[in-house]
Amino acid sequence: MDSLIHSLRDITIRRISVSEMDNNVYLLTAKQSGAQLLIDAADDLPAIQGLLSDAAADTSATPELALIATTHQHWDHVRALPGLVEATGAKTAAGTEDAPELPVPVDVLLGHGDIRSFDGFKVTAVHLRGHTPGSVALVYQDPEGPTHIFSGDSLFPGGVGNTQKDPERFAQLITDVTERLFAVYPDDTVVHPGHGKPTTLGAERPHLEEWRARGW
């Protein structure tokens, strides 16, 4: 199982990859308070519970899973969500338009620009329409280092997410990604996608017009 750890000033970011589809599950833990945000309970509940156990080393406090956020409604990103909610009792969050399709009730509806505050850090929701109607990225702005974007399936190394060859959906997604991510955040911003390896906005920025021209 692939894993990755980023130790920042105020939080630690852990990533594991689960399932045959190489889904990324991310866990942000506040170093001082132990407050945690999990992004995309995709699959393999035992592996996610192991991730939570490992993250106890990331805080001097007692860790507490405050919120489980889902970047979008697709089945491969929510297979462990019901079990994780049952096991932890944590609240859930998702984009407003995708929330009705999730397999659990959604406690927090995320709209564009919404800020969720935890004890020791906060994240901002960015609505990226096209891959699904309610896809959201979650953005953590490190006070002493690069910004981190958890992009779900809306932005990857090499292109935007799948829009099933629908020209209107593609146009919406490439526009949202351009205007709401590339036009807002600097080149050193780290992009953590829903599948595969991370990238940076700087690495991808030169290719935006190429993506728009090719239509996917």
N, C-alpha and C. Protein backbone atom coordinates (compact mmCIF):
# COMPACT_ATOMS: atom_id res chain seq x y z
N MET A 1 0.85 -1.20 0.00
CA MET A 1 0.00 0.00 0.00
C MET A 1 0.88 1.25 0.00
N ASP A 2 0.68 2.09 -0.99
CA ASP A 2 1.45 3.31 -1.13
C ASP A 2 1.07 4.30 -0.03
N SER A 3 2.05 5.00 0.53
CA SER A 3 1.75 6.00 1.56
C SER A 3 2.73 7.15 1.43
N LEU A 4 2.33 8.29 2.01
CA LEU A 4 3.13 9.49 1.92
C LEU A 4 2.82 10.36 3.12
N ILE A 5 3.84 11.05 3.68
CA ILE A 5 3.65 11.92 4.83
C ILE A 5 4.29 13.27 4.54
N HIS A 6 3.54 14.35 4.79
CA HIS A 6 4.07 15.71 4.76
C HIS A 6 3.93 16.28 6.17
N SER A 7 5.04 16.66 6.78
CA SER A 7 4.99 17.31 8.09
C SER A 7 5.15 18.81 7.90
N LEU A 8 4.08 19.56 8.15
CA LEU A 8 4.08 21.01 8.00
C LEU A 8 4.16 21.66 9.38
N ARG A 9 4.08 22.99 9.42
CA ARG A 9 4.24 23.65 10.72
C ARG A 9 3.14 23.27 11.70
N ASP A 10 1.89 23.33 11.24
CA ASP A 10 0.76 23.16 12.14
C ASP A 10 0.05 21.82 12.00
N ILE A 11 0.21 21.17 10.86
CA ILE A 11 -0.48 19.91 10.61
C ILE A 11 0.46 18.90 9.98
N THR A 12 0.06 17.65 10.04
CA THR A 12 0.70 16.59 9.27
C THR A 12 -0.32 16.05 8.28
N ILE A 13 0.10 15.87 7.03
CA ILE A 13 -0.74 15.28 5.98
C ILE A 13 -0.24 13.87 5.73
N ARG A 14 -1.13 12.92 5.86
CA ARG A 14 -0.82 11.53 5.49
C ARG A 14 -1.70 11.11 4.32
N ARG A 15 -1.12 10.31 3.44
CA ARG A 15 -1.86 9.77 2.31
C ARG A 15 -1.63 8.28 2.22
N ILE A 16 -2.72 7.55 1.99
CA ILE A 16 -2.58 6.15 1.58
C ILE A 16 -3.35 5.95 0.28
N SER A 17 -2.94 4.95 -0.47
CA SER A 17 -3.64 4.57 -1.69
C SER A 17 -4.33 3.24 -1.45
N VAL A 18 -5.62 3.17 -1.82
CA VAL A 18 -6.40 1.96 -1.58
C VAL A 18 -7.09 1.54 -2.86
N SER A 19 -7.49 0.29 -2.91
CA SER A 19 -8.33 -0.31 -3.96
C SER A 19 -7.57 -0.52 -5.26
N GLU A 20 -8.20 -1.26 -6.15
CA GLU A 20 -7.62 -1.55 -7.46
C GLU A 20 -7.58 -0.31 -8.33
N MET A 21 -8.25 0.77 -7.90
CA MET A 21 -8.28 2.00 -8.69
C MET A 21 -7.31 3.05 -8.16
N ASP A 22 -6.44 2.66 -7.24
CA ASP A 22 -5.40 3.57 -6.73
C ASP A 22 -6.02 4.87 -6.20
N ASN A 23 -7.06 4.71 -5.38
CA ASN A 23 -7.71 5.88 -4.78
C ASN A 23 -6.88 6.41 -3.62
N ASN A 24 -6.71 7.71 -3.57
CA ASN A 24 -6.00 8.34 -2.47
C ASN A 24 -6.97 8.72 -1.34
N VAL A 25 -6.54 8.42 -0.12
CA VAL A 25 -7.23 8.84 1.09
C VAL A 25 -6.26 9.74 1.85
N TYR A 26 -6.72 10.93 2.20
CA TYR A 26 -5.85 11.89 2.88
C TYR A 26 -6.35 12.15 4.30
N LEU A 27 -5.40 12.32 5.21
CA LEU A 27 -5.73 12.64 6.60
C LEU A 27 -4.87 13.81 7.05
N LEU A 28 -5.54 14.89 7.48
CA LEU A 28 -4.86 16.06 8.02
C LEU A 28 -5.04 16.06 9.54
N THR A 29 -3.94 16.16 10.27
CA THR A 29 -3.98 16.12 11.73
C THR A 29 -3.31 17.36 12.30
N ALA A 30 -4.02 18.09 13.15
CA ALA A 30 -3.45 19.26 13.82
C ALA A 30 -2.45 18.79 14.87
N LYS A 31 -1.23 19.31 14.82
CA LYS A 31 -0.19 18.84 15.72
C LYS A 31 -0.48 19.16 17.18
N GLN A 32 -1.06 20.32 17.45
CA GLN A 32 -1.31 20.72 18.83
C GLN A 32 -2.59 20.13 19.40
N SER A 33 -3.69 20.18 18.64
CA SER A 33 -4.99 19.79 19.19
C SER A 33 -5.39 18.36 18.92
N GLY A 34 -4.83 17.77 17.86
CA GLY A 34 -5.25 16.42 17.47
C GLY A 34 -6.47 16.38 16.57
N ALA A 35 -7.05 17.54 16.24
CA ALA A 35 -8.22 17.58 15.34
C ALA A 35 -7.84 17.05 13.96
N GLN A 36 -8.73 16.25 13.39
CA GLN A 36 -8.42 15.61 12.11
C GLN A 36 -9.51 15.81 11.08
N LEU A 37 -9.08 15.95 9.83
CA LEU A 37 -9.96 15.97 8.67
C LEU A 37 -9.52 14.84 7.75
N LEU A 38 -10.45 13.95 7.41
CA LEU A 38 -10.17 12.88 6.44
C LEU A 38 -10.86 13.22 5.14
N ILE A 39 -10.14 13.09 4.04
CA ILE A 39 -10.67 13.42 2.71
C ILE A 39 -10.75 12.14 1.88
N ASP A 40 -11.97 11.78 1.50
CA ASP A 40 -12.30 10.65 0.63
C ASP A 40 -12.05 9.29 1.30
N ALA A 41 -13.07 8.80 1.98
CA ALA A 41 -13.04 7.44 2.54
C ALA A 41 -13.36 6.47 1.42
N ALA A 42 -12.38 6.24 0.57
CA ALA A 42 -12.62 5.61 -0.73
C ALA A 42 -12.91 4.11 -0.64
N ASP A 43 -12.13 3.39 0.14
CA ASP A 43 -12.26 1.93 0.18
C ASP A 43 -11.34 1.41 1.28
N ASP A 44 -11.51 0.12 1.63
CA ASP A 44 -10.60 -0.57 2.55
C ASP A 44 -10.62 0.06 3.94
N LEU A 45 -11.76 -0.13 4.62
CA LEU A 45 -11.92 0.44 5.96
C LEU A 45 -10.78 0.06 6.91
N PRO A 46 -10.31 -1.20 6.93
CA PRO A 46 -9.19 -1.50 7.83
C PRO A 46 -7.95 -0.66 7.54
N ALA A 47 -7.66 -0.39 6.26
CA ALA A 47 -6.50 0.44 5.94
C ALA A 47 -6.70 1.87 6.43
N ILE A 48 -7.92 2.38 6.30
CA ILE A 48 -8.20 3.73 6.78
C ILE A 48 -8.11 3.79 8.30
N GLN A 49 -8.58 2.76 8.97
CA GLN A 49 -8.45 2.72 10.43
C GLN A 49 -6.98 2.64 10.83
N GLY A 50 -6.17 1.94 10.03
CA GLY A 50 -4.74 1.94 10.28
C GLY A 50 -4.11 3.30 10.08
N LEU A 51 -4.59 4.03 9.07
CA LEU A 51 -4.13 5.40 8.85
C LEU A 51 -4.43 6.27 10.06
N LEU A 52 -5.62 6.15 10.60
CA LEU A 52 -5.99 6.92 11.79
C LEU A 52 -5.12 6.53 12.98
N SER A 53 -4.84 5.25 13.12
CA SER A 53 -3.99 4.81 14.22
C SER A 53 -2.57 5.36 14.08
N ASP A 54 -2.03 5.30 12.86
CA ASP A 54 -0.67 5.80 12.63
C ASP A 54 -0.57 7.29 12.93
N ALA A 55 -1.65 8.03 12.65
CA ALA A 55 -1.61 9.47 12.82
C ALA A 55 -1.61 9.89 14.29
N ALA A 56 -1.80 8.97 15.19
CA ALA A 56 -1.67 9.32 16.61
C ALA A 56 -0.26 9.82 16.91
N ALA A 57 0.70 9.41 16.08
CA ALA A 57 2.08 9.88 16.26
C ALA A 57 2.28 11.32 15.79
N ASP A 58 1.27 11.90 15.14
CA ASP A 58 1.41 13.23 14.55
C ASP A 58 0.98 14.35 15.49
N THR A 59 0.50 14.02 16.68
CA THR A 59 0.00 15.03 17.60
C THR A 59 0.37 14.68 19.03
N SER A 60 0.56 15.72 19.83
CA SER A 60 0.82 15.52 21.25
C SER A 60 -0.47 15.38 22.05
N ALA A 61 -1.62 15.59 21.38
CA ALA A 61 -2.93 15.48 22.01
C ALA A 61 -3.58 14.16 21.61
N THR A 62 -4.80 13.96 22.07
CA THR A 62 -5.57 12.79 21.66
C THR A 62 -6.22 13.07 20.32
N PRO A 63 -5.93 12.31 19.27
CA PRO A 63 -6.51 12.61 17.96
C PRO A 63 -8.02 12.40 17.97
N GLU A 64 -8.71 13.26 17.22
CA GLU A 64 -10.17 13.15 17.10
C GLU A 64 -10.56 13.48 15.67
N LEU A 65 -11.22 12.53 15.01
CA LEU A 65 -11.67 12.73 13.63
C LEU A 65 -12.87 13.66 13.66
N ALA A 66 -12.67 14.91 13.26
CA ALA A 66 -13.72 15.92 13.33
C ALA A 66 -14.65 15.89 12.13
N LEU A 67 -14.13 15.52 10.95
CA LEU A 67 -14.93 15.59 9.74
C LEU A 67 -14.38 14.64 8.69
N ILE A 68 -15.30 13.99 7.96
CA ILE A 68 -14.96 13.19 6.79
C ILE A 68 -15.52 13.92 5.58
N ALA A 69 -14.65 14.46 4.74
CA ALA A 69 -15.08 15.20 3.56
C ALA A 69 -14.95 14.32 2.32
N THR A 70 -15.92 14.43 1.42
CA THR A 70 -15.92 13.68 0.17
C THR A 70 -15.82 14.68 -0.98
N THR A 71 -14.83 14.48 -1.85
CA THR A 71 -14.63 15.45 -2.94
C THR A 71 -15.70 15.37 -4.01
N HIS A 72 -16.26 14.16 -4.22
CA HIS A 72 -17.34 14.03 -5.20
C HIS A 72 -18.02 12.68 -5.02
N GLN A 73 -19.13 12.53 -5.69
CA GLN A 73 -20.07 11.44 -5.42
C GLN A 73 -19.68 10.07 -5.99
N HIS A 74 -18.70 9.97 -6.83
CA HIS A 74 -18.46 8.70 -7.53
C HIS A 74 -18.18 7.55 -6.57
N TRP A 75 -18.67 6.38 -6.95
CA TRP A 75 -18.70 5.22 -6.06
C TRP A 75 -17.33 4.84 -5.53
N ASP A 76 -16.29 5.02 -6.35
CA ASP A 76 -14.97 4.57 -5.92
C ASP A 76 -14.38 5.46 -4.83
N HIS A 77 -15.01 6.60 -4.55
CA HIS A 77 -14.50 7.50 -3.52
C HIS A 77 -15.29 7.40 -2.21
N VAL A 78 -16.29 6.53 -2.17
CA VAL A 78 -17.17 6.50 -0.98
C VAL A 78 -17.41 5.09 -0.43
N ARG A 79 -16.68 4.09 -0.92
CA ARG A 79 -17.00 2.71 -0.53
C ARG A 79 -16.79 2.44 0.96
N ALA A 80 -15.85 3.13 1.59
CA ALA A 80 -15.62 2.93 3.02
C ALA A 80 -16.33 3.95 3.89
N LEU A 81 -17.07 4.85 3.26
CA LEU A 81 -17.68 5.95 4.02
C LEU A 81 -18.70 5.48 5.04
N PRO A 82 -19.66 4.62 4.67
CA PRO A 82 -20.63 4.19 5.69
C PRO A 82 -19.97 3.51 6.88
N GLY A 83 -19.00 2.63 6.63
CA GLY A 83 -18.34 1.94 7.72
C GLY A 83 -17.54 2.86 8.61
N LEU A 84 -16.90 3.87 7.99
CA LEU A 84 -16.09 4.80 8.77
C LEU A 84 -16.96 5.69 9.64
N VAL A 85 -18.09 6.12 9.09
CA VAL A 85 -19.02 6.93 9.88
C VAL A 85 -19.55 6.11 11.06
N GLU A 86 -19.90 4.86 10.79
CA GLU A 86 -20.41 4.00 11.86
C GLU A 86 -19.35 3.77 12.93
N ALA A 87 -18.10 3.59 12.52
CA ALA A 87 -17.03 3.28 13.47
C ALA A 87 -16.60 4.48 14.30
N THR A 88 -16.70 5.68 13.71
CA THR A 88 -16.13 6.86 14.37
C THR A 88 -17.17 7.86 14.87
N GLY A 89 -18.35 7.86 14.25
CA GLY A 89 -19.35 8.86 14.58
C GLY A 89 -19.02 10.25 14.06
N ALA A 90 -18.03 10.35 13.18
CA ALA A 90 -17.60 11.66 12.68
C ALA A 90 -18.67 12.25 11.76
N LYS A 91 -18.70 13.58 11.72
CA LYS A 91 -19.59 14.28 10.80
C LYS A 91 -19.05 14.16 9.38
N THR A 92 -19.94 14.40 8.42
CA THR A 92 -19.59 14.26 7.01
C THR A 92 -19.80 15.58 6.28
N ALA A 93 -19.07 15.76 5.18
CA ALA A 93 -19.20 16.95 4.35
C ALA A 93 -19.04 16.58 2.89
N ALA A 94 -19.73 17.31 2.02
CA ALA A 94 -19.60 17.12 0.57
C ALA A 94 -20.17 18.34 -0.12
N GLY A 95 -19.83 18.49 -1.41
CA GLY A 95 -20.39 19.56 -2.20
C GLY A 95 -21.91 19.47 -2.25
N THR A 96 -22.57 20.63 -2.23
CA THR A 96 -24.02 20.68 -2.12
C THR A 96 -24.72 19.84 -3.19
N GLU A 97 -24.25 19.93 -4.43
CA GLU A 97 -24.94 19.24 -5.53
C GLU A 97 -24.70 17.74 -5.52
N ASP A 98 -23.61 17.28 -4.93
CA ASP A 98 -23.32 15.85 -4.90
C ASP A 98 -23.83 15.16 -3.65
N ALA A 99 -24.11 15.92 -2.61
CA ALA A 99 -24.45 15.34 -1.31
C ALA A 99 -25.61 14.35 -1.36
N PRO A 100 -26.69 14.62 -2.12
CA PRO A 100 -27.80 13.67 -2.12
C PRO A 100 -27.44 12.29 -2.66
N GLU A 101 -26.34 12.17 -3.41
CA GLU A 101 -25.96 10.90 -4.01
C GLU A 101 -25.03 10.07 -3.11
N LEU A 102 -24.62 10.61 -1.99
CA LEU A 102 -23.71 9.88 -1.11
C LEU A 102 -24.46 8.80 -0.33
N PRO A 103 -23.77 7.73 0.09
CA PRO A 103 -24.44 6.62 0.77
C PRO A 103 -24.69 6.86 2.26
N VAL A 104 -24.40 8.06 2.74
CA VAL A 104 -24.68 8.43 4.13
C VAL A 104 -25.28 9.83 4.14
N PRO A 105 -25.98 10.20 5.20
CA PRO A 105 -26.43 11.59 5.31
C PRO A 105 -25.22 12.53 5.40
N VAL A 106 -25.34 13.69 4.79
CA VAL A 106 -24.25 14.67 4.79
C VAL A 106 -24.60 15.78 5.77
N ASP A 107 -23.72 16.00 6.74
CA ASP A 107 -23.96 16.99 7.79
C ASP A 107 -23.61 18.40 7.35
N VAL A 108 -22.58 18.54 6.52
CA VAL A 108 -22.08 19.85 6.13
C VAL A 108 -22.08 19.94 4.61
N LEU A 109 -22.87 20.86 4.07
CA LEU A 109 -22.90 21.09 2.62
C LEU A 109 -21.87 22.15 2.27
N LEU A 110 -21.00 21.83 1.32
CA LEU A 110 -19.89 22.72 0.95
C LEU A 110 -20.21 23.47 -0.33
N GLY A 111 -20.21 24.78 -0.25
CA GLY A 111 -20.35 25.63 -1.41
C GLY A 111 -19.03 26.31 -1.73
N HIS A 112 -18.96 26.96 -2.88
CA HIS A 112 -17.72 27.60 -3.31
C HIS A 112 -17.30 28.68 -2.32
N GLY A 113 -16.07 28.57 -1.83
CA GLY A 113 -15.52 29.56 -0.91
C GLY A 113 -15.81 29.30 0.55
N ASP A 114 -16.57 28.26 0.86
CA ASP A 114 -16.85 27.96 2.26
C ASP A 114 -15.57 27.58 2.99
N ILE A 115 -15.44 28.06 4.20
CA ILE A 115 -14.27 27.78 5.04
C ILE A 115 -14.72 26.91 6.21
N ARG A 116 -14.02 25.80 6.39
CA ARG A 116 -14.26 24.93 7.55
C ARG A 116 -13.07 25.05 8.48
N SER A 117 -13.37 25.44 9.72
CA SER A 117 -12.31 25.65 10.71
C SER A 117 -12.25 24.48 11.68
N PHE A 118 -11.04 24.05 11.94
CA PHE A 118 -10.77 23.00 12.92
C PHE A 118 -9.88 23.61 13.99
N ASP A 119 -9.64 22.89 15.05
CA ASP A 119 -8.80 23.42 16.12
C ASP A 119 -7.35 23.34 15.68
N GLY A 120 -6.85 24.44 15.09
CA GLY A 120 -5.46 24.47 14.66
C GLY A 120 -5.24 24.64 13.17
N PHE A 121 -6.31 24.54 12.36
CA PHE A 121 -6.16 24.76 10.92
C PHE A 121 -7.54 24.97 10.30
N LYS A 122 -7.55 25.41 9.06
CA LYS A 122 -8.79 25.56 8.33
C LYS A 122 -8.56 25.22 6.86
N VAL A 123 -9.64 24.84 6.18
CA VAL A 123 -9.58 24.55 4.75
C VAL A 123 -10.70 25.31 4.05
N THR A 124 -10.47 25.60 2.78
CA THR A 124 -11.44 26.30 1.96
C THR A 124 -11.94 25.39 0.85
N ALA A 125 -13.25 25.35 0.65
CA ALA A 125 -13.84 24.55 -0.42
C ALA A 125 -13.85 25.35 -1.71
N VAL A 126 -13.45 24.71 -2.80
CA VAL A 126 -13.49 25.31 -4.13
C VAL A 126 -14.36 24.42 -5.01
N HIS A 127 -15.47 24.97 -5.48
CA HIS A 127 -16.41 24.23 -6.31
C HIS A 127 -15.85 24.15 -7.73
N LEU A 128 -15.65 22.93 -8.23
CA LEU A 128 -15.10 22.71 -9.57
C LEU A 128 -16.11 21.87 -10.35
N ARG A 129 -16.91 22.52 -11.15
CA ARG A 129 -18.01 21.84 -11.84
C ARG A 129 -17.54 21.16 -13.12
N GLY A 130 -18.07 19.97 -13.38
CA GLY A 130 -17.75 19.30 -14.63
C GLY A 130 -17.55 17.81 -14.50
N HIS A 131 -16.62 17.39 -13.63
CA HIS A 131 -16.45 15.95 -13.41
C HIS A 131 -17.73 15.39 -12.80
N THR A 132 -18.22 16.05 -11.78
CA THR A 132 -19.58 15.87 -11.26
C THR A 132 -20.14 17.26 -10.98
N PRO A 133 -21.45 17.38 -10.79
CA PRO A 133 -22.00 18.72 -10.54
C PRO A 133 -21.51 19.37 -9.26
N GLY A 134 -21.22 18.56 -8.26
CA GLY A 134 -20.85 19.11 -6.95
C GLY A 134 -19.43 18.82 -6.52
N SER A 135 -18.54 18.54 -7.45
CA SER A 135 -17.15 18.28 -7.08
C SER A 135 -16.55 19.48 -6.36
N VAL A 136 -15.80 19.20 -5.31
CA VAL A 136 -15.09 20.27 -4.61
C VAL A 136 -13.63 19.87 -4.42
N ALA A 137 -12.77 20.88 -4.48
CA ALA A 137 -11.40 20.73 -3.99
C ALA A 137 -11.35 21.35 -2.60
N LEU A 138 -10.44 20.87 -1.77
CA LEU A 138 -10.23 21.43 -0.45
C LEU A 138 -8.82 21.98 -0.39
N VAL A 139 -8.70 23.23 0.06
CA VAL A 139 -7.43 23.94 0.00
C VAL A 139 -6.95 24.28 1.41
N TYR A 140 -5.72 23.87 1.71
CA TYR A 140 -5.08 24.23 2.98
C TYR A 140 -3.92 25.17 2.67
N GLN A 141 -3.97 26.36 3.25
CA GLN A 141 -2.91 27.35 3.04
C GLN A 141 -1.97 27.34 4.23
N ASP A 142 -0.81 26.74 4.02
CA ASP A 142 0.20 26.63 5.07
C ASP A 142 0.79 28.01 5.36
N PRO A 143 0.80 28.45 6.62
CA PRO A 143 1.34 29.78 6.91
C PRO A 143 2.83 29.92 6.64
N GLU A 144 3.54 28.81 6.51
CA GLU A 144 5.00 28.90 6.31
C GLU A 144 5.50 28.06 5.14
N GLY A 145 4.63 27.76 4.21
CA GLY A 145 5.07 26.94 3.08
C GLY A 145 4.02 26.94 1.99
N PRO A 146 4.18 26.08 0.99
CA PRO A 146 3.25 26.05 -0.12
C PRO A 146 1.82 25.71 0.31
N THR A 147 0.89 26.18 -0.47
CA THR A 147 -0.51 25.80 -0.33
C THR A 147 -0.68 24.35 -0.80
N HIS A 148 -1.67 23.65 -0.23
CA HIS A 148 -1.96 22.27 -0.61
C HIS A 148 -3.41 22.19 -1.07
N ILE A 149 -3.62 21.68 -2.29
CA ILE A 149 -4.95 21.52 -2.86
C ILE A 149 -5.26 20.03 -2.97
N PHE A 150 -6.36 19.62 -2.38
CA PHE A 150 -6.85 18.24 -2.50
C PHE A 150 -7.95 18.28 -3.55
N SER A 151 -7.60 17.85 -4.77
CA SER A 151 -8.38 18.20 -5.95
C SER A 151 -9.41 17.15 -6.35
N GLY A 152 -9.50 16.03 -5.62
CA GLY A 152 -10.42 14.99 -6.05
C GLY A 152 -10.07 14.52 -7.45
N ASP A 153 -11.10 14.34 -8.28
CA ASP A 153 -10.86 13.91 -9.66
C ASP A 153 -11.03 15.07 -10.64
N SER A 154 -10.85 16.31 -10.17
CA SER A 154 -11.01 17.46 -11.05
C SER A 154 -9.70 17.92 -11.69
N LEU A 155 -8.57 17.63 -11.04
CA LEU A 155 -7.27 18.03 -11.59
C LEU A 155 -6.23 16.98 -11.25
N PHE A 156 -5.50 16.56 -12.28
CA PHE A 156 -4.46 15.54 -12.16
C PHE A 156 -3.17 16.05 -12.82
N PRO A 157 -2.05 15.38 -12.58
CA PRO A 157 -0.89 15.61 -13.43
C PRO A 157 -1.28 15.29 -14.89
N GLY A 158 -1.19 16.27 -15.76
CA GLY A 158 -1.45 16.02 -17.17
C GLY A 158 -2.84 16.36 -17.66
N GLY A 159 -3.72 16.85 -16.77
CA GLY A 159 -5.03 17.22 -17.28
C GLY A 159 -6.10 17.31 -16.22
N VAL A 160 -7.30 17.70 -16.66
CA VAL A 160 -8.45 17.76 -15.77
C VAL A 160 -9.14 16.40 -15.75
N GLY A 161 -10.16 16.29 -14.91
CA GLY A 161 -10.86 15.01 -14.75
C GLY A 161 -11.72 14.66 -15.95
N ASN A 162 -12.21 13.44 -15.93
CA ASN A 162 -13.00 12.89 -17.03
C ASN A 162 -14.37 13.58 -17.09
N THR A 163 -14.73 14.07 -18.25
CA THR A 163 -16.05 14.67 -18.46
C THR A 163 -16.84 13.91 -19.52
N GLN A 164 -16.49 12.63 -19.75
CA GLN A 164 -17.22 11.73 -20.65
C GLN A 164 -17.42 12.33 -22.05
N LYS A 165 -16.41 13.06 -22.53
CA LYS A 165 -16.42 13.65 -23.87
C LYS A 165 -17.60 14.61 -24.10
N ASP A 166 -18.12 15.15 -23.01
CA ASP A 166 -19.19 16.14 -23.09
C ASP A 166 -18.54 17.52 -23.18
N PRO A 167 -18.68 18.21 -24.32
CA PRO A 167 -17.97 19.48 -24.51
C PRO A 167 -18.38 20.55 -23.50
N GLU A 168 -19.64 20.57 -23.10
CA GLU A 168 -20.08 21.57 -22.13
C GLU A 168 -19.49 21.31 -20.75
N ARG A 169 -19.48 20.05 -20.34
CA ARG A 169 -18.89 19.71 -19.04
C ARG A 169 -17.39 19.98 -19.05
N PHE A 170 -16.72 19.65 -20.15
CA PHE A 170 -15.29 19.92 -20.21
C PHE A 170 -15.02 21.41 -20.15
N ALA A 171 -15.76 22.19 -20.90
CA ALA A 171 -15.56 23.64 -20.91
C ALA A 171 -15.76 24.21 -19.51
N GLN A 172 -16.76 23.70 -18.79
CA GLN A 172 -17.00 24.18 -17.43
C GLN A 172 -15.84 23.82 -16.51
N LEU A 173 -15.35 22.58 -16.62
CA LEU A 173 -14.29 22.14 -15.72
C LEU A 173 -12.97 22.85 -16.00
N ILE A 174 -12.58 22.97 -17.27
CA ILE A 174 -11.32 23.64 -17.57
C ILE A 174 -11.40 25.11 -17.18
N THR A 175 -12.57 25.71 -17.31
CA THR A 175 -12.73 27.11 -16.90
C THR A 175 -12.64 27.25 -15.39
N ASP A 176 -13.33 26.38 -14.65
CA ASP A 176 -13.29 26.46 -13.19
C ASP A 176 -11.88 26.21 -12.66
N VAL A 177 -11.20 25.19 -13.20
CA VAL A 177 -9.84 24.89 -12.76
C VAL A 177 -8.92 26.07 -13.06
N THR A 178 -9.08 26.68 -14.23
CA THR A 178 -8.24 27.82 -14.60
C THR A 178 -8.51 29.02 -13.70
N GLU A 179 -9.78 29.36 -13.53
CA GLU A 179 -10.14 30.59 -12.81
C GLU A 179 -10.08 30.44 -11.30
N ARG A 180 -10.37 29.25 -10.80
CA ARG A 180 -10.52 29.08 -9.35
C ARG A 180 -9.30 28.45 -8.69
N LEU A 181 -8.41 27.86 -9.49
CA LEU A 181 -7.17 27.31 -8.94
C LEU A 181 -5.96 28.03 -9.52
N PHE A 182 -5.74 27.90 -10.83
CA PHE A 182 -4.51 28.45 -11.42
C PHE A 182 -4.43 29.96 -11.31
N ALA A 183 -5.56 30.65 -11.39
CA ALA A 183 -5.54 32.12 -11.32
C ALA A 183 -5.46 32.62 -9.88
N VAL A 184 -5.62 31.75 -8.91
CA VAL A 184 -5.67 32.16 -7.50
C VAL A 184 -4.41 31.79 -6.73
N TYR A 185 -3.86 30.62 -7.01
CA TYR A 185 -2.77 30.08 -6.19
C TYR A 185 -1.46 30.05 -6.98
N PRO A 186 -0.33 30.18 -6.28
CA PRO A 186 0.96 30.29 -6.96
C PRO A 186 1.50 28.94 -7.44
N ASP A 187 2.60 29.02 -8.20
CA ASP A 187 3.15 27.84 -8.86
C ASP A 187 3.63 26.76 -7.90
N ASP A 188 4.05 27.13 -6.67
CA ASP A 188 4.57 26.12 -5.76
C ASP A 188 3.46 25.36 -5.04
N THR A 189 2.21 25.69 -5.33
CA THR A 189 1.07 24.99 -4.72
C THR A 189 1.10 23.52 -5.08
N VAL A 190 0.97 22.67 -4.07
CA VAL A 190 0.99 21.22 -4.27
C VAL A 190 -0.43 20.74 -4.53
N VAL A 191 -0.60 19.94 -5.57
CA VAL A 191 -1.90 19.37 -5.91
C VAL A 191 -1.89 17.89 -5.53
N HIS A 192 -2.83 17.52 -4.67
CA HIS A 192 -2.98 16.13 -4.22
C HIS A 192 -4.25 15.57 -4.88
N PRO A 193 -4.10 14.77 -5.94
CA PRO A 193 -5.29 14.32 -6.68
C PRO A 193 -5.96 13.10 -6.04
N GLY A 194 -7.13 12.76 -6.59
CA GLY A 194 -7.87 11.63 -6.08
C GLY A 194 -7.27 10.28 -6.42
N HIS A 195 -6.42 10.24 -7.42
CA HIS A 195 -5.70 9.02 -7.82
C HIS A 195 -4.29 9.44 -8.20
N GLY A 196 -3.32 8.58 -7.91
CA GLY A 196 -1.98 8.81 -8.42
C GLY A 196 -1.15 9.79 -7.59
N LYS A 197 -0.09 10.26 -8.22
CA LYS A 197 0.93 11.04 -7.52
C LYS A 197 0.59 12.53 -7.50
N PRO A 198 1.19 13.26 -6.57
CA PRO A 198 0.97 14.71 -6.52
C PRO A 198 1.72 15.43 -7.64
N THR A 199 1.33 16.68 -7.84
CA THR A 199 2.01 17.55 -8.79
C THR A 199 1.99 18.96 -8.21
N THR A 200 2.36 19.95 -9.00
CA THR A 200 2.25 21.35 -8.58
C THR A 200 1.54 22.13 -9.66
N LEU A 201 0.96 23.26 -9.28
CA LEU A 201 0.34 24.11 -10.29
C LEU A 201 1.37 24.60 -11.30
N GLY A 202 2.59 24.86 -10.83
CA GLY A 202 3.64 25.33 -11.74
C GLY A 202 3.99 24.31 -12.81
N ALA A 203 3.97 23.03 -12.44
CA ALA A 203 4.29 21.98 -13.41
C ALA A 203 3.20 21.85 -14.47
N GLU A 204 1.97 22.14 -14.09
CA GLU A 204 0.84 21.94 -15.00
C GLU A 204 0.45 23.20 -15.76
N ARG A 205 0.75 24.37 -15.22
CA ARG A 205 0.28 25.63 -15.79
C ARG A 205 0.63 25.81 -17.28
N PRO A 206 1.85 25.44 -17.73
CA PRO A 206 2.18 25.65 -19.15
C PRO A 206 1.31 24.87 -20.11
N HIS A 207 0.55 23.88 -19.60
CA HIS A 207 -0.21 22.99 -20.48
C HIS A 207 -1.70 23.32 -20.54
N LEU A 208 -2.12 24.36 -19.84
CA LEU A 208 -3.55 24.65 -19.77
C LEU A 208 -4.18 24.85 -21.15
N GLU A 209 -3.53 25.63 -22.00
CA GLU A 209 -4.12 25.87 -23.32
C GLU A 209 -4.08 24.62 -24.19
N GLU A 210 -3.06 23.81 -23.98
CA GLU A 210 -2.99 22.51 -24.70
C GLU A 210 -4.19 21.64 -24.30
N TRP A 211 -4.50 21.59 -23.00
CA TRP A 211 -5.65 20.80 -22.54
C TRP A 211 -6.94 21.34 -23.13
N ARG A 212 -7.06 22.67 -23.12
CA ARG A 212 -8.29 23.26 -23.65
C ARG A 212 -8.44 22.96 -25.14
N ALA A 213 -7.33 23.00 -25.86
CA ALA A 213 -7.40 22.74 -27.31
C ALA A 213 -7.73 21.29 -27.61
N ARG A 214 -7.23 20.37 -26.82
CA ARG A 214 -7.48 18.95 -27.11
C ARG A 214 -8.87 18.52 -26.64
N GLY A 215 -9.45 19.24 -25.69
CA GLY A 215 -10.81 18.97 -25.27
C GLY A 215 -10.99 17.90 -24.22
N TRP A 216 -9.90 17.56 -23.52
CA TRP A 216 -9.99 16.60 -22.41
C TRP A 216 -8.80 16.76 -21.50
